[in-house]
Amino acid sequence: GERLLVAVNFAANQSQCRVRPPFSELSGAAWRLRDLLGQDVFDREGDSLASEGLFLDMAPWQAAAYAWTKGS
């Protein structure tokens, strides 16, 4: 199954947060997140994503759509 997480900063200032993805199979794997609306690509550990969430630091009015693929 394809995994997609969409985030939007609806503020006129830079904003940060942590988002807990609603995917149950995160732990025990590495994940690659690719922003379909931009150029960003991130590699993250599933254990950290499951326990702490995904840290986002977004510019004013920025939107991102992250496609998730399991790494090695």
C-alpha atoms as a PDB file:
ATOM      1  CA  GLY A   1       0.000   0.000   0.000  1.00  0.00           C
ATOM      2  CA  GLU A   2       1.044   3.494  -0.808  1.00  0.00           C
ATOM      3  CA  ARG A   3       1.531   5.850   2.119  1.00  0.00           C
ATOM      4  CA  LEU A   4       1.069   9.590   1.777  1.00  0.00           C
ATOM      5  CA  LEU A   5       1.196  12.303   4.433  1.00  0.00           C
ATOM      6  CA  VAL A   6       0.086  15.840   3.555  1.00  0.00           C
ATOM      7  CA  ALA A   7       1.027  18.799   5.758  1.00  0.00           C
ATOM      8  CA  VAL A   8       0.233  22.499   5.373  1.00  0.00           C
ATOM      9  CA  ASN A   9       1.466  25.421   7.459  1.00  0.00           C
ATOM     10  CA  PHE A  10      -1.575  27.711   7.567  1.00  0.00           C
ATOM     11  CA  ALA A  11       0.419  30.443   9.367  1.00  0.00           C
ATOM     12  CA  ALA A  12       2.142  33.593   8.154  1.00  0.00           C
ATOM     13  CA  ASN A  13       5.276  32.568  10.088  1.00  0.00           C
ATOM     14  CA  GLN A  14       7.755  29.685  10.161  1.00  0.00           C
ATOM     15  CA  SER A  15       6.306  26.821  12.223  1.00  0.00           C
ATOM     16  CA  GLN A  16       7.554  23.557  13.695  1.00  0.00           C
ATOM     17  CA  CYS A  17       5.753  20.519  15.023  1.00  0.00           C
ATOM     18  CA  ARG A  18       5.907  16.747  15.384  1.00  0.00           C
ATOM     19  CA  VAL A  19       3.352  14.621  13.573  1.00  0.00           C
ATOM     20  CA  ARG A  20       2.671  11.019  14.544  1.00  0.00           C
ATOM     21  CA  PRO A  21       1.974   9.204  11.280  1.00  0.00           C
ATOM     22  CA  PRO A  22      -1.083   6.915  11.391  1.00  0.00           C
ATOM     23  CA  PHE A  23       0.877   3.957   9.985  1.00  0.00           C
ATOM     24  CA  SER A  24       1.106   0.909  12.267  1.00  0.00           C
ATOM     25  CA  GLU A  25       4.089  -0.745  10.557  1.00  0.00           C
ATOM     26  CA  LEU A  26       6.692   2.023  11.076  1.00  0.00           C
ATOM     27  CA  SER A  27       8.833   0.353  13.753  1.00  0.00           C
ATOM     28  CA  GLY A  28      11.754  -1.851  12.820  1.00  0.00           C
ATOM     29  CA  ALA A  29      12.328  -0.372   9.361  1.00  0.00           C
ATOM     30  CA  ALA A  30      13.973   2.566   7.673  1.00  0.00           C
ATOM     31  CA  TRP A  31      11.756   4.900   5.649  1.00  0.00           C
ATOM     32  CA  ARG A  32      12.354   7.299   2.779  1.00  0.00           C
ATOM     33  CA  LEU A  33      10.026  10.316   2.579  1.00  0.00           C
ATOM     34  CA  ARG A  34       9.910  12.167  -0.726  1.00  0.00           C
ATOM     35  CA  ASP A  35       8.051  15.476  -1.018  1.00  0.00           C
ATOM     36  CA  LEU A  36       5.901  15.275  -4.142  1.00  0.00           C
ATOM     37  CA  LEU A  37       5.437  19.066  -4.157  1.00  0.00           C
ATOM     38  CA  GLY A  38       9.110  19.945  -3.738  1.00  0.00           C
ATOM     39  CA  GLN A  39      12.641  18.569  -3.895  1.00  0.00           C
ATOM     40  CA  ASP A  40      13.078  17.280  -0.320  1.00  0.00           C
ATOM     41  CA  VAL A  41      13.946  13.651   0.391  1.00  0.00           C
ATOM     42  CA  PHE A  42      14.456  12.405   3.949  1.00  0.00           C
ATOM     43  CA  ASP A  43      15.571   9.039   5.351  1.00  0.00           C
ATOM     44  CA  ARG A  44      14.154   8.314   8.816  1.00  0.00           C
ATOM     45  CA  GLU A  45      14.166   5.397  11.257  1.00  0.00           C
ATOM     46  CA  GLY A  46      10.753   3.878  11.872  1.00  0.00           C
ATOM     47  CA  ASP A  47      11.276   3.426  15.610  1.00  0.00           C
ATOM     48  CA  SER A  48      11.822   7.170  16.006  1.00  0.00           C
ATOM     49  CA  LEU A  49       8.851   7.994  13.761  1.00  0.00           C
ATOM     50  CA  ALA A  50       6.592   5.703  15.792  1.00  0.00           C
ATOM     51  CA  SER A  51       7.696   7.012  19.203  1.00  0.00           C
ATOM     52  CA  GLU A  52       8.499  10.696  18.602  1.00  0.00           C
ATOM     53  CA  GLY A  53       6.754  11.454  15.329  1.00  0.00           C
ATOM     54  CA  LEU A  54       8.000  13.213  12.213  1.00  0.00           C
ATOM     55  CA  PHE A  55       9.534  16.625  12.897  1.00  0.00           C
ATOM     56  CA  LEU A  56       8.354  19.300  10.449  1.00  0.00           C
ATOM     57  CA  ASP A  57       9.842  22.770  10.063  1.00  0.00           C
ATOM     58  CA  MET A  58       7.773  24.586   7.474  1.00  0.00           C
ATOM     59  CA  ALA A  59       7.914  28.022   5.876  1.00  0.00           C
ATOM     60  CA  PRO A  60       4.850  30.310   5.944  1.00  0.00           C
ATOM     61  CA  TRP A  61       2.012  28.878   3.841  1.00  0.00           C
ATOM     62  CA  GLN A  62       4.160  25.904   2.782  1.00  0.00           C
ATOM     63  CA  ALA A  63       2.524  22.635   1.766  1.00  0.00           C
ATOM     64  CA  ALA A  64       4.181  19.231   1.511  1.00  0.00           C
ATOM     65  CA  ALA A  65       2.953  15.825   0.357  1.00  0.00           C
ATOM     66  CA  TYR A  66       5.313  13.087   1.543  1.00  0.00           C
ATOM     67  CA  ALA A  67       5.311   9.728  -0.226  1.00  0.00           C
ATOM     68  CA  TRP A  68       6.664   7.003   2.085  1.00  0.00           C
ATOM     69  CA  THR A  69       8.663   3.992   0.912  1.00  0.00           C
ATOM     70  CA  LYS A  70      10.289   1.357   3.061  1.00  0.00           C
ATOM     71  CA  GLY A  71      14.077   1.408   2.878  1.00  0.00           C
ATOM     72  CA  SER A  72      16.620  -1.291   3.558  1.00  0.00           C
END
